[in-house]
């Protein structure tokens, strides 16, 4: 099972439902920020970047992960 399938199933997103940024939007963001996104976050934004509910969950998970790293606790996602 791939990650896209799991995320769609977990958040009940039909396959036809597109909620990501376009390739053009990603290129503009990279240019504006003067960065090149790594492949994993780039794929996430292309597939699901405009879905606010999913984005809130991802940001909360990132905060939890970073807090655990800061406190030197083992992190497993």
N, C-alpha and C. Protein backbone atom coordinates (compact mmCIF):
# COMPACT_ATOMS: atom_id res chain seq x y z
N UNK A 1 0.84 -1.19 0.00
CA UNK A 1 0.00 0.00 0.00
C UNK A 1 0.88 1.24 0.00
N UNK A 2 0.58 2.17 -0.85
CA UNK A 2 1.38 3.39 -0.87
C UNK A 2 0.79 4.46 0.04
N UNK A 3 1.59 5.48 0.28
CA UNK A 3 1.20 6.53 1.22
C UNK A 3 -0.03 7.30 0.76
N UNK A 4 -0.12 7.59 -0.53
CA UNK A 4 -1.29 8.31 -1.04
C UNK A 4 -2.57 7.54 -0.74
N UNK A 5 -2.56 6.25 -0.98
CA UNK A 5 -3.74 5.42 -0.72
C UNK A 5 -4.12 5.48 0.76
N UNK A 6 -3.13 5.35 1.62
CA UNK A 6 -3.39 5.36 3.07
C UNK A 6 -3.97 6.69 3.53
N UNK A 7 -3.41 7.78 3.03
CA UNK A 7 -3.91 9.10 3.42
C UNK A 7 -5.33 9.30 2.92
N UNK A 8 -5.59 8.91 1.67
CA UNK A 8 -6.95 9.05 1.11
C UNK A 8 -7.95 8.24 1.92
N UNK A 9 -7.56 7.03 2.31
CA UNK A 9 -8.46 6.18 3.09
C UNK A 9 -8.68 6.75 4.49
N UNK A 10 -7.63 7.19 5.15
CA UNK A 10 -7.72 7.73 6.50
C UNK A 10 -8.59 8.98 6.56
N UNK A 11 -8.48 9.85 5.55
CA UNK A 11 -9.23 11.10 5.55
C UNK A 11 -10.46 11.05 4.65
N UNK A 12 -10.78 9.85 4.19
CA UNK A 12 -11.98 9.64 3.37
C UNK A 12 -12.02 10.57 2.15
N UNK A 13 -10.91 10.60 1.42
CA UNK A 13 -10.80 11.45 0.23
C UNK A 13 -10.92 10.57 -1.01
N UNK A 14 -11.94 10.77 -1.82
CA UNK A 14 -12.06 9.97 -3.04
C UNK A 14 -10.89 10.25 -3.99
N UNK A 15 -10.55 9.27 -4.80
CA UNK A 15 -9.42 9.42 -5.70
C UNK A 15 -9.61 10.57 -6.69
N UNK A 16 -10.84 10.82 -7.08
CA UNK A 16 -11.12 11.90 -8.02
C UNK A 16 -10.96 13.27 -7.38
N UNK A 17 -10.97 13.33 -6.06
CA UNK A 17 -10.86 14.59 -5.34
C UNK A 17 -9.41 15.07 -5.37
N UNK A 18 -9.16 16.15 -6.07
CA UNK A 18 -7.81 16.71 -6.17
C UNK A 18 -7.70 17.92 -5.26
N UNK A 19 -6.76 17.88 -4.34
CA UNK A 19 -6.63 18.99 -3.39
C UNK A 19 -5.17 19.40 -3.23
N UNK A 20 -4.40 19.22 -4.29
CA UNK A 20 -2.99 19.59 -4.23
C UNK A 20 -2.69 20.80 -5.09
N UNK A 21 -1.49 21.30 -4.93
CA UNK A 21 -1.04 22.42 -5.74
C UNK A 21 -0.61 21.90 -7.11
N UNK A 22 -0.71 22.73 -8.10
CA UNK A 22 -0.28 22.34 -9.44
C UNK A 22 1.25 22.43 -9.52
N UNK A 23 1.79 21.80 -10.53
CA UNK A 23 3.24 21.85 -10.76
C UNK A 23 3.70 23.30 -10.93
N UNK A 24 2.90 24.08 -11.63
CA UNK A 24 3.22 25.49 -11.84
C UNK A 24 3.23 26.26 -10.52
N UNK A 25 2.24 26.01 -9.65
CA UNK A 25 2.19 26.67 -8.34
C UNK A 25 3.41 26.30 -7.49
N UNK A 26 3.82 25.04 -7.58
CA UNK A 26 5.00 24.59 -6.82
C UNK A 26 6.26 25.29 -7.32
N UNK A 27 6.40 25.38 -8.63
CA UNK A 27 7.58 26.04 -9.20
C UNK A 27 7.62 27.51 -8.81
N UNK A 28 6.46 28.17 -8.82
CA UNK A 28 6.40 29.58 -8.41
C UNK A 28 6.79 29.75 -6.95
N UNK A 29 6.31 28.85 -6.09
CA UNK A 29 6.64 28.92 -4.66
C UNK A 29 8.13 28.71 -4.45
N UNK A 30 8.70 27.73 -5.15
CA UNK A 30 10.14 27.48 -5.02
C UNK A 30 10.95 28.69 -5.47
N UNK A 31 10.51 29.30 -6.54
CA UNK A 31 11.20 30.48 -7.07
C UNK A 31 11.09 31.65 -6.08
N UNK A 32 9.87 31.86 -5.55
CA UNK A 32 9.63 32.96 -4.61
C UNK A 32 10.45 32.79 -3.33
N UNK A 33 10.53 31.54 -2.84
CA UNK A 33 11.25 31.26 -1.60
C UNK A 33 12.73 30.98 -1.81
N UNK A 34 13.14 30.89 -3.06
CA UNK A 34 14.53 30.56 -3.43
C UNK A 34 14.97 29.24 -2.82
N UNK A 35 14.09 28.25 -2.91
CA UNK A 35 14.40 26.91 -2.41
C UNK A 35 13.94 25.87 -3.42
N UNK A 36 14.43 24.67 -3.23
CA UNK A 36 13.94 23.53 -4.00
C UNK A 36 13.43 22.52 -2.97
N UNK A 37 12.13 22.24 -3.00
CA UNK A 37 11.55 21.31 -2.03
C UNK A 37 12.11 19.90 -2.22
N UNK A 38 12.32 19.20 -1.13
CA UNK A 38 12.70 17.80 -1.20
C UNK A 38 11.54 17.02 -1.82
N UNK A 39 11.83 15.87 -2.37
CA UNK A 39 10.82 15.11 -3.11
C UNK A 39 9.61 14.70 -2.26
N UNK A 40 9.82 14.26 -1.03
CA UNK A 40 8.69 13.81 -0.20
C UNK A 40 7.72 14.94 0.12
N UNK A 41 8.19 16.09 0.66
CA UNK A 41 7.22 17.17 0.91
C UNK A 41 6.63 17.71 -0.39
N UNK A 42 7.41 17.70 -1.45
CA UNK A 42 6.91 18.19 -2.75
C UNK A 42 5.74 17.32 -3.22
N UNK A 43 5.91 16.01 -3.12
CA UNK A 43 4.82 15.09 -3.50
C UNK A 43 3.58 15.31 -2.65
N UNK A 44 3.79 15.52 -1.34
CA UNK A 44 2.67 15.78 -0.44
C UNK A 44 1.90 17.02 -0.89
N UNK A 45 2.63 18.12 -1.16
CA UNK A 45 1.97 19.36 -1.57
C UNK A 45 1.27 19.21 -2.93
N UNK A 46 1.85 18.44 -3.83
CA UNK A 46 1.22 18.20 -5.13
C UNK A 46 -0.08 17.41 -4.98
N UNK A 47 -0.10 16.49 -4.04
CA UNK A 47 -1.29 15.64 -3.85
C UNK A 47 -2.32 16.25 -2.91
N UNK A 48 -1.88 16.81 -1.79
CA UNK A 48 -2.81 17.19 -0.72
C UNK A 48 -2.60 18.59 -0.14
N UNK A 49 -1.74 19.38 -0.71
CA UNK A 49 -1.33 20.66 -0.13
C UNK A 49 -2.43 21.66 0.17
N UNK A 50 -3.55 21.61 -0.55
CA UNK A 50 -4.61 22.59 -0.34
C UNK A 50 -5.72 22.09 0.60
N UNK A 51 -5.57 20.89 1.12
CA UNK A 51 -6.56 20.34 2.04
C UNK A 51 -6.22 20.81 3.45
N UNK A 52 -6.97 21.78 3.96
CA UNK A 52 -6.65 22.40 5.26
C UNK A 52 -6.74 21.42 6.42
N UNK A 53 -7.71 20.54 6.39
CA UNK A 53 -7.87 19.57 7.49
C UNK A 53 -6.64 18.68 7.58
N UNK A 54 -6.22 18.16 6.47
CA UNK A 54 -5.05 17.29 6.44
C UNK A 54 -3.79 18.08 6.79
N UNK A 55 -3.70 19.30 6.31
CA UNK A 55 -2.54 20.14 6.58
C UNK A 55 -2.40 20.43 8.08
N UNK A 56 -3.52 20.66 8.76
CA UNK A 56 -3.47 20.89 10.22
C UNK A 56 -2.94 19.66 10.94
N UNK A 57 -3.35 18.49 10.52
CA UNK A 57 -2.88 17.25 11.15
C UNK A 57 -1.38 17.09 10.94
N UNK A 58 -0.92 17.32 9.73
CA UNK A 58 0.51 17.19 9.42
C UNK A 58 1.32 18.17 10.25
N UNK A 59 0.85 19.40 10.37
CA UNK A 59 1.58 20.40 11.17
C UNK A 59 1.64 20.01 12.64
N UNK A 60 0.54 19.45 13.17
CA UNK A 60 0.54 18.99 14.57
C UNK A 60 1.52 17.84 14.76
N UNK A 61 1.56 16.93 13.81
CA UNK A 61 2.51 15.82 13.89
C UNK A 61 3.95 16.32 13.84
N UNK A 62 4.20 17.32 13.00
CA UNK A 62 5.55 17.89 12.93
C UNK A 62 5.94 18.54 14.25
N UNK A 63 5.00 19.25 14.88
CA UNK A 63 5.29 19.87 16.18
C UNK A 63 5.60 18.81 17.24
N UNK A 64 4.79 17.76 17.29
CA UNK A 64 5.03 16.68 18.24
C UNK A 64 6.40 16.05 18.02
N UNK A 65 6.71 15.79 16.77
CA UNK A 65 7.99 15.18 16.42
C UNK A 65 9.15 16.08 16.83
N UNK A 66 9.05 17.37 16.51
CA UNK A 66 10.11 18.31 16.86
C UNK A 66 10.27 18.46 18.37
N UNK A 67 9.16 18.47 19.11
CA UNK A 67 9.23 18.55 20.58
C UNK A 67 9.91 17.33 21.17
N UNK A 68 9.61 16.18 20.63
CA UNK A 68 10.25 14.96 21.14
C UNK A 68 11.74 14.98 20.84
N UNK A 69 12.11 15.47 19.66
CA UNK A 69 13.53 15.58 19.33
C UNK A 69 14.24 16.53 20.28
N UNK A 70 13.57 17.65 20.57
CA UNK A 70 14.13 18.66 21.46
C UNK A 70 14.34 18.08 22.86
N UNK A 71 13.45 17.23 23.28
CA UNK A 71 13.52 16.63 24.62
C UNK A 71 14.30 15.32 24.63
N UNK A 72 14.97 15.03 23.52
CA UNK A 72 15.80 13.84 23.38
C UNK A 72 15.04 12.53 23.64
N UNK A 73 13.81 12.49 23.24
CA UNK A 73 13.03 11.27 23.38
C UNK A 73 13.01 10.55 22.04
N UNK A 74 12.87 9.26 22.08
CA UNK A 74 12.82 8.49 20.83
C UNK A 74 11.56 8.84 20.05
N UNK A 75 11.72 9.02 18.76
CA UNK A 75 10.60 9.38 17.90
C UNK A 75 10.36 8.28 16.87
N UNK A 76 9.14 7.86 16.80
CA UNK A 76 8.76 6.89 15.78
C UNK A 76 7.46 7.34 15.18
N UNK A 77 7.49 7.61 13.87
CA UNK A 77 6.28 7.98 13.15
C UNK A 77 5.86 6.89 12.24
